[in-house]
C-alpha atoms as a PDB file:
ATOM      1  CA  MET A   1      -7.143 -16.960 -11.347  1.00  0.00           C
ATOM      2  CA  LYS A   2      -6.520 -13.627 -13.291  1.00  0.00           C
ATOM      3  CA  ARG A   3      -3.859 -13.680 -16.162  1.00  0.00           C
ATOM      4  CA  ILE A   4      -1.375 -10.967 -15.934  1.00  0.00           C
ATOM      5  CA  ALA A   5       0.785  -9.779 -18.779  1.00  0.00           C
ATOM      6  CA  PHE A   6       3.930  -7.525 -18.086  1.00  0.00           C
ATOM      7  CA  LEU A   7       4.929  -4.949 -20.628  1.00  0.00           C
ATOM      8  CA  VAL A   8       8.712  -4.171 -20.149  1.00  0.00           C
ATOM      9  CA  SER A   9      11.197  -2.091 -22.137  1.00  0.00           C
ATOM     10  CA  GLY A  10      14.649  -2.546 -19.997  1.00  0.00           C
ATOM     11  CA  SER A  11      16.078  -4.495 -17.101  1.00  0.00           C
ATOM     12  CA  GLY A  12      12.570  -5.715 -15.754  1.00  0.00           C
ATOM     13  CA  THR A  13      13.219  -5.611 -11.925  1.00  0.00           C
ATOM     14  CA  ASN A  14       9.838  -4.645 -11.050  1.00  0.00           C
ATOM     15  CA  ALA A  15       8.374  -7.442 -13.345  1.00  0.00           C
ATOM     16  CA  GLU A  16      10.714  -9.766 -11.622  1.00  0.00           C
ATOM     17  CA  ASN A  17       9.746  -8.932  -8.309  1.00  0.00           C
ATOM     18  CA  LEU A  18       5.922  -9.284  -9.087  1.00  0.00           C
ATOM     19  CA  ILE A  19       6.560 -12.511 -10.814  1.00  0.00           C
ATOM     20  CA  LYS A  20       8.266 -13.730  -7.548  1.00  0.00           C
ATOM     21  CA  LYS A  21       5.644 -12.810  -5.413  1.00  0.00           C
ATOM     22  CA  ILE A  22       2.814 -14.478  -7.740  1.00  0.00           C
ATOM     23  CA  LYS A  23       4.933 -17.713  -7.717  1.00  0.00           C
ATOM     24  CA  SER A  24       5.418 -17.395  -3.958  1.00  0.00           C
ATOM     25  CA  GLY A  25       1.657 -17.274  -3.412  1.00  0.00           C
ATOM     26  CA  GLU A  26       1.799 -13.691  -2.219  1.00  0.00           C
ATOM     27  CA  ILE A  27      -0.035 -12.269  -4.994  1.00  0.00           C
ATOM     28  CA  HIS A  28      -2.880 -14.561  -6.428  1.00  0.00           C
ATOM     29  CA  ALA A  29      -2.588 -14.305 -10.043  1.00  0.00           C
ATOM     30  CA  GLU A  30      -0.766 -16.050 -13.188  1.00  0.00           C
ATOM     31  CA  ALA A  31       2.183 -14.366 -14.762  1.00  0.00           C
ATOM     32  CA  THR A  32       1.172 -15.289 -18.340  1.00  0.00           C
ATOM     33  CA  ILE A  33       3.361 -13.432 -20.674  1.00  0.00           C
ATOM     34  CA  VAL A  34       6.378 -10.720 -20.548  1.00  0.00           C
ATOM     35  CA  ILE A  35       6.174  -8.579 -23.466  1.00  0.00           C
ATOM     36  CA  SER A  36       9.000  -6.332 -24.404  1.00  0.00           C
ATOM     37  CA  ASN A  37       8.888  -3.515 -27.010  1.00  0.00           C
ATOM     38  CA  LYS A  38      12.812  -4.016 -27.560  1.00  0.00           C
ATOM     39  CA  PRO A  39      14.778  -7.176 -28.170  1.00  0.00           C
ATOM     40  CA  GLY A  40      17.723  -8.313 -26.001  1.00  0.00           C
ATOM     41  CA  VAL A  41      16.697  -6.448 -22.939  1.00  0.00           C
ATOM     42  CA  LYS A  42      17.321  -7.957 -19.248  1.00  0.00           C
ATOM     43  CA  ALA A  43      13.675  -8.263 -18.400  1.00  0.00           C
ATOM     44  CA  LEU A  44      13.282 -11.055 -21.192  1.00  0.00           C
ATOM     45  CA  ASP A  45      16.357 -12.836 -19.520  1.00  0.00           C
ATOM     46  CA  ARG A  46      14.533 -12.565 -16.177  1.00  0.00           C
ATOM     47  CA  ALA A  47      11.083 -13.680 -17.680  1.00  0.00           C
ATOM     48  CA  ARG A  48      12.792 -16.914 -19.029  1.00  0.00           C
ATOM     49  CA  GLU A  49      14.778 -17.587 -15.496  1.00  0.00           C
ATOM     50  CA  LEU A  50      11.570 -17.355 -13.796  1.00  0.00           C
ATOM     51  CA  GLY A  51       9.850 -19.920 -16.451  1.00  0.00           C
ATOM     52  CA  VAL A  52       7.255 -17.282 -17.748  1.00  0.00           C
ATOM     53  CA  PRO A  53       6.909 -17.066 -21.516  1.00  0.00           C
ATOM     54  CA  SER A  54       7.994 -14.020 -23.347  1.00  0.00           C
ATOM     55  CA  ALA A  55       7.516 -12.169 -26.577  1.00  0.00           C
ATOM     56  CA  VAL A  56       9.158  -9.198 -28.326  1.00  0.00           C
ATOM     57  CA  ILE A  57       7.075  -6.734 -30.295  1.00  0.00           C
ATOM     58  CA  SER A  58       9.271  -4.239 -31.281  1.00  0.00           C
ATOM     59  CA  HIS A  59       7.791  -0.831 -31.932  1.00  0.00           C
ATOM     60  CA  LYS A  60      10.435  -0.041 -34.823  1.00  0.00           C
ATOM     61  CA  ASP A  61       8.918  -2.850 -36.727  1.00  0.00           C
ATOM     62  CA  TYR A  62       5.543  -0.804 -36.999  1.00  0.00           C
ATOM     63  CA  ALA A  63       4.950   2.451 -39.163  1.00  0.00           C
ATOM     64  CA  THR A  64       2.651   3.949 -36.491  1.00  0.00           C
ATOM     65  CA  ARG A  65       1.708   3.745 -32.871  1.00  0.00           C
ATOM     66  CA  GLU A  66      -1.561   2.554 -33.726  1.00  0.00           C
ATOM     67  CA  LEU A  67      -0.255  -0.653 -35.845  1.00  0.00           C
ATOM     68  CA  PHE A  68       2.245  -1.264 -33.230  1.00  0.00           C
ATOM     69  CA  ASP A  69      -0.615  -1.283 -30.295  1.00  0.00           C
ATOM     70  CA  GLN A  70      -2.883  -3.332 -32.594  1.00  0.00           C
ATOM     71  CA  ALA A  71       0.045  -6.246 -32.514  1.00  0.00           C
ATOM     72  CA  LEU A  72       0.632  -5.662 -28.692  1.00  0.00           C
ATOM     73  CA  SER A  73      -3.282  -6.224 -28.336  1.00  0.00           C
ATOM     74  CA  GLU A  74      -3.174  -9.201 -30.533  1.00  0.00           C
ATOM     75  CA  CYS A  75      -0.629 -10.861 -28.491  1.00  0.00           C
ATOM     76  CA  LEU A  76      -2.708  -9.863 -25.201  1.00  0.00           C
ATOM     77  CA  GLU A  77      -5.903 -11.576 -26.758  1.00  0.00           C
ATOM     78  CA  LYS A  78      -3.922 -14.737 -28.158  1.00  0.00           C
ATOM     79  CA  HIS A  79      -2.973 -15.005 -24.092  1.00  0.00           C
ATOM     80  CA  LYS A  80      -6.237 -14.336 -22.812  1.00  0.00           C
ATOM     81  CA  VAL A  81      -4.762 -11.746 -20.572  1.00  0.00           C
ATOM     82  CA  ASP A  82      -7.282 -10.085 -17.939  1.00  0.00           C
ATOM     83  CA  LEU A  83      -4.792  -7.368 -16.496  1.00  0.00           C
ATOM     84  CA  ILE A  84      -1.856  -5.751 -18.055  1.00  0.00           C
ATOM     85  CA  VAL A  85       1.158  -4.605 -15.732  1.00  0.00           C
ATOM     86  CA  LEU A  86       3.523  -1.821 -16.934  1.00  0.00           C
ATOM     87  CA  ALA A  87       6.856  -2.372 -15.507  1.00  0.00           C
ATOM     88  CA  GLY A  88       9.251   0.032 -17.032  1.00  0.00           C
ATOM     89  CA  PHE A  89       7.364   0.122 -20.193  1.00  0.00           C
ATOM     90  CA  MET A  90       8.714   3.141 -21.927  1.00  0.00           C
ATOM     91  CA  ARG A  91       6.008   3.850 -24.564  1.00  0.00           C
ATOM     92  CA  VAL A  92       2.925   5.833 -24.640  1.00  0.00           C
ATOM     93  CA  LEU A  93      -0.185   3.788 -25.552  1.00  0.00           C
ATOM     94  CA  THR A  94      -2.574   5.003 -28.036  1.00  0.00           C
ATOM     95  CA  GLU A  95      -5.904   6.223 -26.905  1.00  0.00           C
ATOM     96  CA  GLY A  96      -7.676   3.247 -28.654  1.00  0.00           C
ATOM     97  CA  PHE A  97      -5.518   0.681 -26.829  1.00  0.00           C
ATOM     98  CA  VAL A  98      -6.106   2.348 -23.340  1.00  0.00           C
ATOM     99  CA  LYS A  99      -9.782   2.782 -23.845  1.00  0.00           C
ATOM    100  CA  LYS A 100      -9.986  -0.923 -25.010  1.00  0.00           C
ATOM    101  CA  TYR A 101      -8.230  -2.051 -21.708  1.00  0.00           C
ATOM    102  CA  CYS A 102      -9.658   0.575 -19.306  1.00  0.00           C
ATOM    103  CA  GLY A 103      -9.518  -0.375 -15.681  1.00  0.00           C
ATOM    104  CA  ARG A 104      -7.145  -3.353 -16.630  1.00  0.00           C
ATOM    105  CA  LEU A 105      -3.868  -1.450 -17.379  1.00  0.00           C
ATOM    106  CA  ILE A 106      -1.839  -0.173 -14.466  1.00  0.00           C
ATOM    107  CA  ASN A 107       1.574   1.616 -14.186  1.00  0.00           C
ATOM    108  CA  ILE A 108       4.004   2.427 -11.463  1.00  0.00           C
ATOM    109  CA  HIS A 109       5.650   5.836 -11.751  1.00  0.00           C
ATOM    110  CA  PRO A 110       8.755   7.122  -9.597  1.00  0.00           C
ATOM    111  CA  ALA A 111       7.142  10.188  -8.154  1.00  0.00           C
ATOM    112  CA  LEU A 112       4.142  11.612  -6.291  1.00  0.00           C
ATOM    113  CA  LEU A 113       1.713  12.167  -9.252  1.00  0.00           C
ATOM    114  CA  PRO A 114       0.444  14.429 -10.426  1.00  0.00           C
ATOM    115  CA  ALA A 115       3.930  16.018  -9.679  1.00  0.00           C
ATOM    116  CA  PHE A 116       6.727  15.146 -11.983  1.00  0.00           C
ATOM    117  CA  PRO A 117       4.793  13.058 -14.601  1.00  0.00           C
ATOM    118  CA  GLY A 118       7.007  11.797 -17.708  1.00  0.00           C
ATOM    119  CA  ALA A 119      10.035   9.672 -18.248  1.00  0.00           C
ATOM    120  CA  HIS A 120      12.410  11.559 -15.930  1.00  0.00           C
ATOM    121  CA  ALA A 121      10.515  11.888 -12.935  1.00  0.00           C
ATOM    122  CA  ILE A 122      13.152  11.293 -10.257  1.00  0.00           C
ATOM    123  CA  LYS A 123      15.672  13.826 -11.855  1.00  0.00           C
ATOM    124  CA  ASP A 124      12.991  16.274 -12.215  1.00  0.00           C
ATOM    125  CA  ALA A 125      11.899  16.099  -8.609  1.00  0.00           C
ATOM    126  CA  TRP A 126      15.725  16.119  -7.745  1.00  0.00           C
ATOM    127  CA  ASP A 127      16.257  19.289  -9.550  1.00  0.00           C
ATOM    128  CA  ALA A 128      13.084  20.916  -8.304  1.00  0.00           C
ATOM    129  CA  LYS A 129      14.867  20.567  -4.778  1.00  0.00           C
ATOM    130  CA  VAL A 130      11.595  18.919  -3.292  1.00  0.00           C
ATOM    131  CA  LYS A 131      11.680  17.785   0.240  1.00  0.00           C
ATOM    132  CA  GLU A 132       9.951  14.553  -0.522  1.00  0.00           C
ATOM    133  CA  THR A 133       9.030  12.384  -3.620  1.00  0.00           C
ATOM    134  CA  GLY A 134       7.751   9.057  -3.657  1.00  0.00           C
ATOM    135  CA  VAL A 135       6.080   6.292  -5.814  1.00  0.00           C
ATOM    136  CA  THR A 136       2.626   6.083  -7.230  1.00  0.00           C
ATOM    137  CA  VAL A 137       0.753   3.104  -8.748  1.00  0.00           C
ATOM    138  CA  HIS A 138      -2.098   4.309 -11.010  1.00  0.00           C
ATOM    139  CA  PHE A 139      -4.569   3.214 -13.559  1.00  0.00           C
ATOM    140  CA  VAL A 140      -3.553   4.313 -16.990  1.00  0.00           C
ATOM    141  CA  ASP A 141      -5.541   6.480 -18.828  1.00  0.00           C
ATOM    142  CA  THR A 142      -5.275   8.655 -22.170  1.00  0.00           C
ATOM    143  CA  GLY A 143      -2.985  11.207 -20.504  1.00  0.00           C
ATOM    144  CA  VAL A 144       0.523  10.752 -19.405  1.00  0.00           C
ATOM    145  CA  ASP A 145       0.795   9.776 -15.898  1.00  0.00           C
ATOM    146  CA  THR A 146      -2.493  10.931 -15.243  1.00  0.00           C
ATOM    147  CA  GLY A 147      -4.849   7.945 -14.443  1.00  0.00           C
ATOM    148  CA  PRO A 148      -6.378   7.323 -10.976  1.00  0.00           C
ATOM    149  CA  VAL A 149      -4.170   6.595  -8.186  1.00  0.00           C
ATOM    150  CA  ILE A 150      -4.192   3.149  -6.798  1.00  0.00           C
ATOM    151  CA  LEU A 151      -1.514   3.772  -4.117  1.00  0.00           C
ATOM    152  CA  GLN A 152       1.316   6.266  -3.160  1.00  0.00           C
ATOM    153  CA  ARG A 153       3.918   6.274  -0.705  1.00  0.00           C
ATOM    154  CA  THR A 154       6.561   9.175   0.062  1.00  0.00           C
ATOM    155  CA  VAL A 155      10.106   9.190  -0.098  1.00  0.00           C
ATOM    156  CA  PRO A 156      11.922  12.090   2.158  1.00  0.00           C
ATOM    157  CA  VAL A 157      14.934  13.770   0.211  1.00  0.00           C
ATOM    158  CA  LEU A 158      17.619  13.524   2.784  1.00  0.00           C
ATOM    159  CA  PRO A 159      20.361  16.397   3.315  1.00  0.00           C
ATOM    160  CA  HIS A 160      23.176  13.802   2.681  1.00  0.00           C
ATOM    161  CA  ASP A 161      21.082  12.242  -0.614  1.00  0.00           C
ATOM    162  CA  THR A 162      22.789  12.149  -3.904  1.00  0.00           C
ATOM    163  CA  LEU A 163      20.463  11.813  -6.826  1.00  0.00           C
ATOM    164  CA  GLU A 164      21.598   8.249  -7.193  1.00  0.00           C
ATOM    165  CA  THR A 165      20.767   7.576  -3.419  1.00  0.00           C
ATOM    166  CA  LEU A 166      17.329   8.998  -3.659  1.00  0.00           C
ATOM    167  CA  GLU A 167      16.673   6.721  -6.830  1.00  0.00           C
ATOM    168  CA  ALA A 168      17.872   3.674  -5.003  1.00  0.00           C
ATOM    169  CA  ARG A 169      15.472   4.455  -2.189  1.00  0.00           C
ATOM    170  CA  ILE A 170      12.619   5.138  -4.759  1.00  0.00           C
ATOM    171  CA  HIS A 171      13.145   1.760  -6.477  1.00  0.00           C
ATOM    172  CA  SER A 172      13.322   0.037  -3.037  1.00  0.00           C
ATOM    173  CA  LEU A 173       9.840   1.446  -2.469  1.00  0.00           C
ATOM    174  CA  GLU A 174       8.605   0.308  -5.827  1.00  0.00           C
ATOM    175  CA  TYR A 175       9.162  -3.287  -4.933  1.00  0.00           C
ATOM    176  CA  GLU A 176       6.883  -2.825  -1.739  1.00  0.00           C
ATOM    177  CA  ILE A 177       4.260  -0.933  -3.122  1.00  0.00           C
ATOM    178  CA  TYR A 178       3.869  -2.571  -6.602  1.00  0.00           C
ATOM    179  CA  PRO A 179       2.767  -5.765  -4.959  1.00  0.00           C
ATOM    180  CA  GLN A 180       0.476  -4.067  -2.480  1.00  0.00           C
ATOM    181  CA  ALA A 181      -1.476  -2.304  -5.271  1.00  0.00           C
ATOM    182  CA  LEU A 182      -1.645  -5.227  -7.728  1.00  0.00           C
ATOM    183  CA  ASN A 183      -3.333  -7.011  -4.966  1.00  0.00           C
ATOM    184  CA  LEU A 184      -5.495  -4.258  -4.462  1.00  0.00           C
ATOM    185  CA  VAL A 185      -6.575  -4.184  -7.763  1.00  0.00           C
ATOM    186  CA  LEU A 186      -7.094  -8.062  -7.806  1.00  0.00           C
ATOM    187  CA  SER A 187      -9.375  -8.071  -4.975  1.00  0.00           C
ATOM    188  CA  LYS A 188     -11.228  -5.191  -6.335  1.00  0.00           C
ATOM    189  CA  LYS A 189     -10.498  -2.767  -3.531  1.00  0.00           C
END
């Protein structure tokens, strides 16, 4: 069974959703560890509540991105991780880290890539007045939100939408699409 690490920076709702699906048997893997780059975030509480070990590797404790990524890599190696799932992890990983874990590093993004990469995708799509946006799960490469797409789904922008209602529908879709994409990766499809 594949051992999965979840990298988080905040509330951890996507990690929680995936871990629950692992525990229910809908995803055939082991939730090995949740690693946060920030102490005290809700994602760590969620991991504890679900019985998954967690660790904090604060990026503020390292002088460079390379040193942070080295510490992260050492933790992943210690836990014999097969797959790394980014779930609201708000750090750009170094080229060396990405290359080391090539094909084993996946991310979810709240837009239809290649449109609206980066940290403010929902607001960027809203400001652009697009008629539809969506969710993308992709392999991580050395660019920002540029890796090969695993799965994408669209979300229409409705006439009565506010930024908040659109954001809620996008997050709801994330909870559907991420487990599907993870199962595709695990089954090598």
